[in-house]
PDB file of all heavy atoms in Angstrom:
ATOM      1  N   GLU A   1      13.629  44.833 -84.169  1.00  0.00           N
ATOM      2  CA  GLU A   1      14.750  45.639 -83.723  1.00  0.00           C
ATOM      3  C   GLU A   1      15.969  44.695 -83.565  1.00  0.00           C
ATOM      4  O   GLU A   1      16.200  44.174 -82.426  1.00  0.00           O
ATOM      5  CB  GLU A   1      14.413  46.302 -82.390  1.00  0.00           C
ATOM      6  CG  GLU A   1      13.293  47.276 -82.463  1.00  0.00           C
ATOM      7  CD  GLU A   1      13.032  47.945 -81.100  1.00  0.00           C
ATOM      8  OE1 GLU A   1      14.015  48.479 -80.539  1.00  0.00           O
ATOM      9  OE2 GLU A   1      11.905  47.849 -80.643  1.00  0.00           O
ATOM     10  N   PRO A   2      16.733  44.470 -84.660  1.00  0.00           N
ATOM     11  CA  PRO A   2      17.829  43.501 -84.593  1.00  0.00           C
ATOM     12  C   PRO A   2      18.936  43.840 -83.567  1.00  0.00           C
ATOM     13  O   PRO A   2      19.548  42.930 -83.027  1.00  0.00           O
ATOM     14  CB  PRO A   2      18.416  43.555 -85.990  1.00  0.00           C
ATOM     15  CG  PRO A   2      17.307  44.055 -86.842  1.00  0.00           C
ATOM     16  CD  PRO A   2      16.515  44.999 -86.017  1.00  0.00           C
ATOM     17  N   GLY A   3      19.041  45.117 -83.216  1.00  0.00           N
ATOM     18  CA  GLY A   3      20.076  45.473 -82.237  1.00  0.00           C
ATOM     19  C   GLY A   3      19.625  45.459 -80.813  1.00  0.00           C
ATOM     20  O   GLY A   3      20.382  45.669 -79.882  1.00  0.00           O
ATOM     21  N   LYS A   4      18.343  45.093 -80.543  1.00  0.00           N
ATOM     22  CA  LYS A   4      17.809  45.014 -79.206  1.00  0.00           C
ATOM     23  C   LYS A   4      18.389  43.761 -78.493  1.00  0.00           C
ATOM     24  O   LYS A   4      18.336  42.657 -79.064  1.00  0.00           O
ATOM     25  CB  LYS A   4      16.302  44.988 -79.206  1.00  0.00           C
ATOM     26  CG  LYS A   4      15.766  45.086 -77.777  1.00  0.00           C
ATOM     27  CD  LYS A   4      14.228  45.154 -77.890  1.00  0.00           C
ATOM     28  CE  LYS A   4      13.574  45.337 -76.462  1.00  0.00           C
ATOM     29  NZ  LYS A   4      12.146  45.462 -76.514  1.00  0.00           N
ATOM     30  N   LYS A   5      18.880  43.918 -77.339  1.00  0.00           N
ATOM     31  CA  LYS A   5      19.564  42.836 -76.591  1.00  0.00           C
ATOM     32  C   LYS A   5      18.517  41.971 -75.944  1.00  0.00           C
ATOM     33  O   LYS A   5      18.142  42.159 -74.765  1.00  0.00           O
ATOM     34  CB  LYS A   5      20.522  43.359 -75.597  1.00  0.00           C
ATOM     35  CG  LYS A   5      21.800  44.000 -76.192  1.00  0.00           C
ATOM     36  CD  LYS A   5      22.736  44.593 -75.208  1.00  0.00           C
ATOM     37  CE  LYS A   5      22.225  45.874 -74.650  1.00  0.00           C
ATOM     38  NZ  LYS A   5      22.181  46.914 -75.665  1.00  0.00           N
ATOM     39  N   ARG A   6      17.970  40.974 -76.703  1.00  0.00           N
ATOM     40  CA  ARG A   6      17.091  39.956 -76.180  1.00  0.00           C
ATOM     41  C   ARG A   6      17.391  38.634 -76.841  1.00  0.00           C
ATOM     42  O   ARG A   6      17.945  38.590 -77.892  1.00  0.00           O
ATOM     43  CB  ARG A   6      15.652  40.415 -76.415  1.00  0.00           C
ATOM     44  CG  ARG A   6      15.292  40.690 -77.835  1.00  0.00           C
ATOM     45  CD  ARG A   6      13.852  41.228 -78.009  1.00  0.00           C
ATOM     46  NE  ARG A   6      13.537  41.603 -79.319  1.00  0.00           N
ATOM     47  CZ  ARG A   6      13.041  40.721 -80.243  1.00  0.00           C
ATOM     48  NH1 ARG A   6      12.788  39.448 -79.888  1.00  0.00           N
ATOM     49  NH2 ARG A   6      12.754  41.123 -81.477  1.00  0.00           N
ATOM     50  N   GLY A   7      16.956  37.527 -76.216  1.00  0.00           N
ATOM     51  CA  GLY A   7      17.192  36.204 -76.807  1.00  0.00           C
ATOM     52  C   GLY A   7      18.691  35.905 -76.927  1.00  0.00           C
ATOM     53  O   GLY A   7      19.444  36.165 -75.946  1.00  0.00           O
ATOM     54  N   GLY A   8      19.049  35.410 -78.027  1.00  0.00           N
ATOM     55  CA  GLY A   8      20.454  34.973 -78.225  1.00  0.00           C
ATOM     56  C   GLY A   8      21.420  36.100 -78.178  1.00  0.00           C
ATOM     57  O   GLY A   8      22.571  35.996 -77.713  1.00  0.00           O
ATOM     58  N   LEU A   9      20.966  37.337 -78.657  1.00  0.00           N
ATOM     59  CA  LEU A   9      21.899  38.486 -78.583  1.00  0.00           C
ATOM     60  C   LEU A   9      22.234  38.893 -77.199  1.00  0.00           C
ATOM     61  O   LEU A   9      23.332  39.321 -76.920  1.00  0.00           O
ATOM     62  CB  LEU A   9      21.312  39.640 -79.377  1.00  0.00           C
ATOM     63  CG  LEU A   9      22.178  40.915 -79.524  1.00  0.00           C
ATOM     64  CD1 LEU A   9      23.483  40.634 -80.184  1.00  0.00           C
ATOM     65  CD2 LEU A   9      21.413  42.017 -80.228  1.00  0.00           C
ATOM     66  N   TRP A  10      21.246  38.700 -76.311  1.00  0.00           N
ATOM     67  CA  TRP A  10      21.470  39.044 -74.892  1.00  0.00           C
ATOM     68  C   TRP A  10      22.599  38.205 -74.371  1.00  0.00           C
ATOM     69  O   TRP A  10      23.514  38.619 -73.626  1.00  0.00           O
ATOM     70  CB  TRP A  10      20.214  38.885 -74.090  1.00  0.00           C
ATOM     71  CG  TRP A  10      20.303  39.308 -72.660  1.00  0.00           C
ATOM     72  CD1 TRP A  10      20.021  40.548 -72.150  1.00  0.00           C
ATOM     73  CD2 TRP A  10      20.743  38.467 -71.537  1.00  0.00           C
ATOM     74  NE1 TRP A  10      20.235  40.562 -70.825  1.00  0.00           N
ATOM     75  CE2 TRP A  10      20.630  39.348 -70.389  1.00  0.00           C
ATOM     76  CE3 TRP A  10      21.085  37.227 -71.393  1.00  0.00           C
ATOM     77  CZ2 TRP A  10      20.950  38.845 -69.079  1.00  0.00           C
ATOM     78  CZ3 TRP A  10      21.379  36.693 -70.115  1.00  0.00           C
ATOM     79  CH2 TRP A  10      21.332  37.564 -68.973  1.00  0.00           C
ATOM     80  N   TRP A  11      22.516  36.875 -74.618  1.00  0.00           N
ATOM     81  CA  TRP A  11      23.574  35.964 -74.164  1.00  0.00           C
ATOM     82  C   TRP A  11      24.887  36.257 -74.815  1.00  0.00           C
ATOM     83  O   TRP A  11      25.917  36.200 -74.209  1.00  0.00           O
ATOM     84  CB  TRP A  11      23.145  34.529 -74.451  1.00  0.00           C
ATOM     85  CG  TRP A  11      22.103  34.029 -73.502  1.00  0.00           C
ATOM     86  CD1 TRP A  11      20.791  33.832 -73.717  1.00  0.00           C
ATOM     87  CD2 TRP A  11      22.313  33.638 -72.128  1.00  0.00           C
ATOM     88  NE1 TRP A  11      20.129  33.401 -72.629  1.00  0.00           N
ATOM     89  CE2 TRP A  11      21.091  33.271 -71.596  1.00  0.00           C
ATOM     90  CE3 TRP A  11      23.446  33.652 -71.271  1.00  0.00           C
ATOM     91  CZ2 TRP A  11      20.951  32.820 -70.288  1.00  0.00           C
ATOM     92  CZ3 TRP A  11      23.349  33.155 -69.986  1.00  0.00           C
ATOM     93  CH2 TRP A  11      22.065  32.792 -69.501  1.00  0.00           C
ATOM     94  N   THR A  12      24.907  36.536 -76.095  1.00  0.00           N
ATOM     95  CA  THR A  12      26.158  36.898 -76.773  1.00  0.00           C
ATOM     96  C   THR A  12      26.824  38.108 -76.179  1.00  0.00           C
ATOM     97  O   THR A  12      28.024  38.164 -75.883  1.00  0.00           O
ATOM     98  CB  THR A  12      25.871  37.167 -78.263  1.00  0.00           C
ATOM     99  OG1 THR A  12      25.372  36.008 -78.921  1.00  0.00           O
ATOM    100  CG2 THR A  12      27.222  37.548 -79.013  1.00  0.00           C
ATOM    101  N   TYR A  13      25.968  39.148 -75.871  1.00  0.00           N
ATOM    102  CA  TYR A  13      26.512  40.363 -75.299  1.00  0.00           C
ATOM    103  C   TYR A  13      27.056  40.104 -73.877  1.00  0.00           C
ATOM    104  O   TYR A  13      28.131  40.596 -73.514  1.00  0.00           O
ATOM    105  CB  TYR A  13      25.419  41.421 -75.253  1.00  0.00           C
ATOM    106  CG  TYR A  13      25.929  42.826 -74.987  1.00  0.00           C
ATOM    107  CD1 TYR A  13      26.325  43.645 -76.088  1.00  0.00           C
ATOM    108  CD2 TYR A  13      26.053  43.295 -73.706  1.00  0.00           C
ATOM    109  CE1 TYR A  13      26.851  44.906 -75.815  1.00  0.00           C
ATOM    110  CE2 TYR A  13      26.535  44.635 -73.429  1.00  0.00           C
ATOM    111  CZ  TYR A  13      26.960  45.380 -74.518  1.00  0.00           C
ATOM    112  OH  TYR A  13      27.419  46.635 -74.310  1.00  0.00           O
ATOM    113  N   LEU A  14      26.287  39.324 -73.071  1.00  0.00           N
ATOM    114  CA  LEU A  14      26.665  39.037 -71.700  1.00  0.00           C
ATOM    115  C   LEU A  14      28.021  38.235 -71.683  1.00  0.00           C
ATOM    116  O   LEU A  14      28.924  38.512 -70.952  1.00  0.00           O
ATOM    117  CB  LEU A  14      25.634  38.240 -70.959  1.00  0.00           C
ATOM    118  CG  LEU A  14      25.903  37.883 -69.516  1.00  0.00           C
ATOM    119  CD1 LEU A  14      26.087  39.155 -68.685  1.00  0.00           C
ATOM    120  CD2 LEU A  14      24.818  36.976 -68.979  1.00  0.00           C
ATOM    121  N   LEU A  15      28.102  37.205 -72.552  1.00  0.00           N
ATOM    122  CA  LEU A  15      29.305  36.390 -72.629  1.00  0.00           C
ATOM    123  C   LEU A  15      30.501  37.262 -73.114  1.00  0.00           C
ATOM    124  O   LEU A  15      31.693  37.014 -72.687  1.00  0.00           O
ATOM    125  CB  LEU A  15      29.108  35.190 -73.496  1.00  0.00           C
ATOM    126  CG  LEU A  15      28.117  34.142 -73.014  1.00  0.00           C
ATOM    127  CD1 LEU A  15      27.925  33.007 -74.017  1.00  0.00           C
ATOM    128  CD2 LEU A  15      28.605  33.552 -71.674  1.00  0.00           C
ATOM    129  N   SER A  16      30.227  38.159 -74.025  1.00  0.00           N
ATOM    130  CA  SER A  16      31.344  39.062 -74.462  1.00  0.00           C
ATOM    131  C   SER A  16      31.867  39.890 -73.347  1.00  0.00           C
ATOM    132  O   SER A  16      33.087  40.102 -73.239  1.00  0.00           O
ATOM    133  CB  SER A  16      30.866  39.960 -75.603  1.00  0.00           C
ATOM    134  OG  SER A  16      30.026  40.996 -75.121  1.00  0.00           O
ATOM    135  N   LEU A  17      31.052  40.347 -72.409  1.00  0.00           N
ATOM    136  CA  LEU A  17      31.474  41.093 -71.270  1.00  0.00           C
ATOM    137  C   LEU A  17      32.331  40.254 -70.341  1.00  0.00           C
ATOM    138  O   LEU A  17      33.358  40.651 -69.844  1.00  0.00           O
ATOM    139  CB  LEU A  17      30.289  41.684 -70.499  1.00  0.00           C
ATOM    140  CG  LEU A  17      29.392  42.682 -71.226  1.00  0.00           C
ATOM    141  CD1 LEU A  17      28.250  43.035 -70.370  1.00  0.00           C
ATOM    142  CD2 LEU A  17      30.247  43.964 -71.568  1.00  0.00           C
ATOM    143  N   VAL A  18      31.876  39.015 -70.098  1.00  0.00           N
ATOM    144  CA  VAL A  18      32.613  38.086 -69.234  1.00  0.00           C
ATOM    145  C   VAL A  18      33.981  37.748 -69.826  1.00  0.00           C
ATOM    146  O   VAL A  18      34.954  37.747 -69.175  1.00  0.00           O
ATOM    147  CB  VAL A  18      31.828  36.790 -68.960  1.00  0.00           C
ATOM    148  CG1 VAL A  18      32.641  35.816 -68.160  1.00  0.00           C
ATOM    149  CG2 VAL A  18      30.495  37.155 -68.215  1.00  0.00           C
ATOM    150  N   PHE A  19      33.986  37.554 -71.145  1.00  0.00           N
ATOM    151  CA  PHE A  19      35.231  37.196 -71.789  1.00  0.00           C
ATOM    152  C   PHE A  19      36.202  38.345 -71.787  1.00  0.00           C
ATOM    153  O   PHE A  19      37.413  38.174 -71.559  1.00  0.00           O
ATOM    154  CB  PHE A  19      34.919  36.832 -73.270  1.00  0.00           C
ATOM    155  CG  PHE A  19      36.162  36.411 -74.084  1.00  0.00           C
ATOM    156  CD1 PHE A  19      36.670  35.155 -74.003  1.00  0.00           C
ATOM    157  CD2 PHE A  19      36.770  37.332 -74.890  1.00  0.00           C
ATOM    158  CE1 PHE A  19      37.760  34.764 -74.677  1.00  0.00           C
ATOM    159  CE2 PHE A  19      37.923  36.938 -75.615  1.00  0.00           C
ATOM    160  CZ  PHE A  19      38.406  35.647 -75.477  1.00  0.00           C
ATOM    161  N   LYS A  20      35.717  39.568 -72.011  1.00  0.00           N
ATOM    162  CA  LYS A  20      36.592  40.751 -71.990  1.00  0.00           C
ATOM    163  C   LYS A  20      37.252  40.939 -70.578  1.00  0.00           C
ATOM    164  O   LYS A  20      38.411  41.200 -70.468  1.00  0.00           O
ATOM    165  CB  LYS A  20      35.810  42.016 -72.429  1.00  0.00           C
ATOM    166  CG  LYS A  20      35.507  42.073 -73.867  1.00  0.00           C
ATOM    167  CD  LYS A  20      34.878  43.431 -74.269  1.00  0.00           C
ATOM    168  CE  LYS A  20      33.558  43.598 -73.779  1.00  0.00           C
ATOM    169  NZ  LYS A  20      32.872  44.786 -74.323  1.00  0.00           N
ATOM    170  N   ALA A  21      36.429  40.809 -69.554  1.00  0.00           N
ATOM    171  CA  ALA A  21      36.926  40.953 -68.167  1.00  0.00           C
ATOM    172  C   ALA A  21      37.964  39.837 -67.870  1.00  0.00           C
ATOM    173  O   ALA A  21      38.996  40.078 -67.265  1.00  0.00           O
ATOM    174  CB  ALA A  21      35.800  40.873 -67.188  1.00  0.00           C
ATOM    175  N   ALA A  22      37.626  38.570 -68.396  1.00  0.00           N
ATOM    176  CA  ALA A  22      38.555  37.462 -68.086  1.00  0.00           C
ATOM    177  C   ALA A  22      39.921  37.693 -68.805  1.00  0.00           C
ATOM    178  O   ALA A  22      40.975  37.399 -68.310  1.00  0.00           O
ATOM    179  CB  ALA A  22      37.889  36.181 -68.588  1.00  0.00           C
ATOM    180  N   VAL A  23      39.842  38.140 -70.043  1.00  0.00           N
ATOM    181  CA  VAL A  23      41.105  38.450 -70.847  1.00  0.00           C
ATOM    182  C   VAL A  23      41.974  39.433 -70.085  1.00  0.00           C
ATOM    183  O   VAL A  23      43.231  39.228 -69.864  1.00  0.00           O
ATOM    184  CB  VAL A  23      40.781  38.915 -72.256  1.00  0.00           C
ATOM    185  CG1 VAL A  23      42.043  39.523 -72.877  1.00  0.00           C
ATOM    186  CG2 VAL A  23      40.203  37.778 -73.078  1.00  0.00           C
ATOM    187  N   ASP A  24      41.357  40.562 -69.605  1.00  0.00           N
ATOM    188  CA  ASP A  24      42.131  41.552 -68.909  1.00  0.00           C
ATOM    189  C   ASP A  24      42.741  40.995 -67.607  1.00  0.00           C
ATOM    190  O   ASP A  24      43.867  41.274 -67.285  1.00  0.00           O
ATOM    191  CB  ASP A  24      41.282  42.793 -68.630  1.00  0.00           C
ATOM    192  CG  ASP A  24      41.121  43.680 -69.800  1.00  0.00           C
ATOM    193  OD1 ASP A  24      42.043  43.651 -70.652  1.00  0.00           O
ATOM    194  OD2 ASP A  24      40.123  44.418 -69.926  1.00  0.00           O
ATOM    195  N   VAL A  25      41.961  40.211 -66.895  1.00  0.00           N
ATOM    196  CA  VAL A  25      42.512  39.640 -65.677  1.00  0.00           C
ATOM    197  C   VAL A  25      43.604  38.677 -65.884  1.00  0.00           C
ATOM    198  O   VAL A  25      44.647  38.726 -65.172  1.00  0.00           O
ATOM    199  CB  VAL A  25      41.324  38.929 -64.868  1.00  0.00           C
ATOM    200  CG1 VAL A  25      41.907  38.114 -63.725  1.00  0.00           C
ATOM    201  CG2 VAL A  25      40.320  39.927 -64.419  1.00  0.00           C
ATOM    202  N   VAL A  26      43.504  37.876 -66.950  1.00  0.00           N
ATOM    203  CA  VAL A  26      44.599  36.930 -67.267  1.00  0.00           C
ATOM    204  C   VAL A  26      45.861  37.711 -67.617  1.00  0.00           C
ATOM    205  O   VAL A  26      46.945  37.310 -67.218  1.00  0.00           O
ATOM    206  CB  VAL A  26      44.145  36.034 -68.401  1.00  0.00           C
ATOM    207  CG1 VAL A  26      45.356  35.215 -68.978  1.00  0.00           C
ATOM    208  CG2 VAL A  26      43.070  35.020 -67.945  1.00  0.00           C
ATOM    209  N   PHE A  27      45.758  38.726 -68.405  1.00  0.00           N
ATOM    210  CA  PHE A  27      47.004  39.508 -68.792  1.00  0.00           C
ATOM    211  C   PHE A  27      47.514  40.249 -67.657  1.00  0.00           C
ATOM    212  O   PHE A  27      48.781  40.436 -67.550  1.00  0.00           O
ATOM    213  CB  PHE A  27      46.610  40.421 -69.960  1.00  0.00           C
ATOM    214  CG  PHE A  27      46.723  39.767 -71.300  1.00  0.00           C
ATOM    215  CD1 PHE A  27      45.670  39.099 -71.857  1.00  0.00           C
ATOM    216  CD2 PHE A  27      47.943  39.799 -71.989  1.00  0.00           C
ATOM    217  CE1 PHE A  27      45.761  38.483 -73.090  1.00  0.00           C
ATOM    218  CE2 PHE A  27      48.087  39.152 -73.221  1.00  0.00           C
ATOM    219  CZ  PHE A  27      46.996  38.526 -73.776  1.00  0.00           C
ATOM    220  N   LEU A  28      46.712  40.729 -66.737  1.00  0.00           N
ATOM    221  CA  LEU A  28      47.242  41.352 -65.488  1.00  0.00           C
ATOM    222  C   LEU A  28      48.083  40.324 -64.680  1.00  0.00           C
ATOM    223  O   LEU A  28      49.149  40.655 -64.184  1.00  0.00           O
ATOM    224  CB  LEU A  28      46.123  41.886 -64.592  1.00  0.00           C
ATOM    225  CG  LEU A  28      45.423  43.169 -65.064  1.00  0.00           C
ATOM    226  CD1 LEU A  28      44.248  43.435 -64.163  1.00  0.00           C
ATOM    227  CD2 LEU A  28      46.377  44.308 -65.063  1.00  0.00           C
ATOM    228  N   TYR A  29      47.574  39.084 -64.642  1.00  0.00           N
ATOM    229  CA  TYR A  29      48.330  38.040 -63.935  1.00  0.00           C
ATOM    230  C   TYR A  29      49.633  37.723 -64.645  1.00  0.00           C
ATOM    231  O   TYR A  29      50.695  37.599 -64.017  1.00  0.00           O
ATOM    232  CB  TYR A  29      47.440  36.802 -63.838  1.00  0.00           C
ATOM    233  CG  TYR A  29      48.178  35.645 -63.216  1.00  0.00           C
ATOM    234  CD1 TYR A  29      48.439  35.555 -61.836  1.00  0.00           C
ATOM    235  CD2 TYR A  29      48.580  34.542 -64.010  1.00  0.00           C
ATOM    236  CE1 TYR A  29      49.099  34.476 -61.318  1.00  0.00           C
ATOM    237  CE2 TYR A  29      49.271  33.459 -63.452  1.00  0.00           C
ATOM    238  CZ  TYR A  29      49.524  33.437 -62.089  1.00  0.00           C
ATOM    239  OH  TYR A  29      50.160  32.410 -61.529  1.00  0.00           O
ATOM    240  N   ILE A  30      49.570  37.639 -66.014  1.00  0.00           N
ATOM    241  CA  ILE A  30      50.792  37.337 -66.755  1.00  0.00           C
ATOM    242  C   ILE A  30      51.816  38.462 -66.538  1.00  0.00           C
ATOM    243  O   ILE A  30      53.002  38.150 -66.314  1.00  0.00           O
ATOM    244  CB  ILE A  30      50.456  37.238 -68.263  1.00  0.00           C
ATOM    245  CG1 ILE A  30      49.590  35.964 -68.539  1.00  0.00           C
ATOM    246  CG2 ILE A  30      51.739  37.182 -69.107  1.00  0.00           C
ATOM    247  CD1 ILE A  30      49.104  35.820 -69.930  1.00  0.00           C
ATOM    248  N   PHE A  31      51.417  39.706 -66.589  1.00  0.00           N
ATOM    249  CA  PHE A  31      52.364  40.814 -66.396  1.00  0.00           C
ATOM    250  C   PHE A  31      52.951  40.709 -65.001  1.00  0.00           C
ATOM    251  O   PHE A  31      54.171  40.972 -64.775  1.00  0.00           O
ATOM    252  CB  PHE A  31      51.679  42.114 -66.595  1.00  0.00           C
ATOM    253  CG  PHE A  31      51.710  42.623 -68.010  1.00  0.00           C
ATOM    254  CD1 PHE A  31      50.558  42.570 -68.816  1.00  0.00           C
ATOM    255  CD2 PHE A  31      52.875  43.149 -68.540  1.00  0.00           C
ATOM    256  CE1 PHE A  31      50.621  42.991 -70.075  1.00  0.00           C
ATOM    257  CE2 PHE A  31      52.891  43.571 -69.864  1.00  0.00           C
ATOM    258  CZ  PHE A  31      51.732  43.505 -70.647  1.00  0.00           C
ATOM    259  N   TYR A  32      52.120  40.368 -64.026  1.00  0.00           N
ATOM    260  CA  TYR A  32      52.618  40.276 -62.623  1.00  0.00           C
ATOM    261  C   TYR A  32      53.627  39.181 -62.478  1.00  0.00           C
ATOM    262  O   TYR A  32      54.629  39.311 -61.737  1.00  0.00           O
ATOM    263  CB  TYR A  32      51.394  40.114 -61.648  1.00  0.00           C
ATOM    264  CG  TYR A  32      51.859  40.077 -60.236  1.00  0.00           C
ATOM    265  CD1 TYR A  32      52.066  41.272 -59.562  1.00  0.00           C
ATOM    266  CD2 TYR A  32      52.009  38.876 -59.563  1.00  0.00           C
ATOM    267  CE1 TYR A  32      52.494  41.285 -58.191  1.00  0.00           C
ATOM    268  CE2 TYR A  32      52.421  38.907 -58.186  1.00  0.00           C
ATOM    269  CZ  TYR A  32      52.635  40.134 -57.576  1.00  0.00           C
ATOM    270  OH  TYR A  32      53.070  40.071 -56.252  1.00  0.00           O
ATOM    271  N   ARG A  33      53.417  38.011 -63.081  1.00  0.00           N
ATOM    272  CA  ARG A  33      54.320  36.942 -62.997  1.00  0.00           C
ATOM    273  C   ARG A  33      55.640  37.165 -63.706  1.00  0.00           C
ATOM    274  O   ARG A  33      56.715  36.897 -63.164  1.00  0.00           O
ATOM    275  CB  ARG A  33      53.710  35.638 -63.624  1.00  0.00           C
ATOM    276  CG  ARG A  33      52.633  35.017 -62.750  1.00  0.00           C
ATOM    277  CD  ARG A  33      53.175  34.499 -61.472  1.00  0.00           C
ATOM    278  NE  ARG A  33      54.295  33.552 -61.670  1.00  0.00           N
ATOM    279  CZ  ARG A  33      54.116  32.226 -61.771  1.00  0.00           C
ATOM    280  NH1 ARG A  33      52.916  31.731 -61.701  1.00  0.00           N
ATOM    281  NH2 ARG A  33      55.153  31.440 -61.985  1.00  0.00           N
ATOM    282  N   PHE A  34      55.583  37.847 -64.863  1.00  0.00           N
ATOM    283  CA  PHE A  34      56.818  38.111 -65.608  1.00  0.00           C
ATOM    284  C   PHE A  34      57.612  39.292 -65.052  1.00  0.00           C
ATOM    285  O   PHE A  34      58.792  39.300 -65.012  1.00  0.00           O
ATOM    286  CB  PHE A  34      56.486  38.358 -67.098  1.00  0.00           C
ATOM    287  CG  PHE A  34      56.173  37.100 -67.846  1.00  0.00           C
ATOM    288  CD1 PHE A  34      55.536  37.202 -69.105  1.00  0.00           C
ATOM    289  CD2 PHE A  34      56.452  35.865 -67.359  1.00  0.00           C
ATOM    290  CE1 PHE A  34      55.241  36.023 -69.834  1.00  0.00           C
ATOM    291  CE2 PHE A  34      56.158  34.727 -68.088  1.00  0.00           C
ATOM    292  CZ  PHE A  34      55.557  34.840 -69.295  1.00  0.00           C
ATOM    293  N   TYR A  35      56.850  40.338 -64.664  1.00  0.00           N
ATOM    294  CA  TYR A  35      57.460  41.568 -64.179  1.00  0.00           C
ATOM    295  C   TYR A  35      56.883  41.905 -62.807  1.00  0.00           C
ATOM    296  O   TYR A  35      55.872  42.594 -62.716  1.00  0.00           O
ATOM    297  CB  TYR A  35      57.229  42.700 -65.168  1.00  0.00           C
ATOM    298  CG  TYR A  35      57.692  42.335 -66.560  1.00  0.00           C
ATOM    299  CD1 TYR A  35      56.674  42.028 -67.521  1.00  0.00           C
ATOM    300  CD2 TYR A  35      58.948  42.301 -66.940  1.00  0.00           C
ATOM    301  CE1 TYR A  35      57.021  41.692 -68.819  1.00  0.00           C
ATOM    302  CE2 TYR A  35      59.345  41.886 -68.238  1.00  0.00           C
ATOM    303  CZ  TYR A  35      58.334  41.579 -69.150  1.00  0.00           C
ATOM    304  OH  TYR A  35      58.720  41.224 -70.425  1.00  0.00           O
TER     305      TYR A  35
END
């Protein structure tokens, strides 16, 4: 089951979630500083 989240794919998926949340937080801060 290539799409099952286990092994390396589990880590890829988890890191993608952390990265997405971090990007949104950084841009919220940028908007707050500029405007």
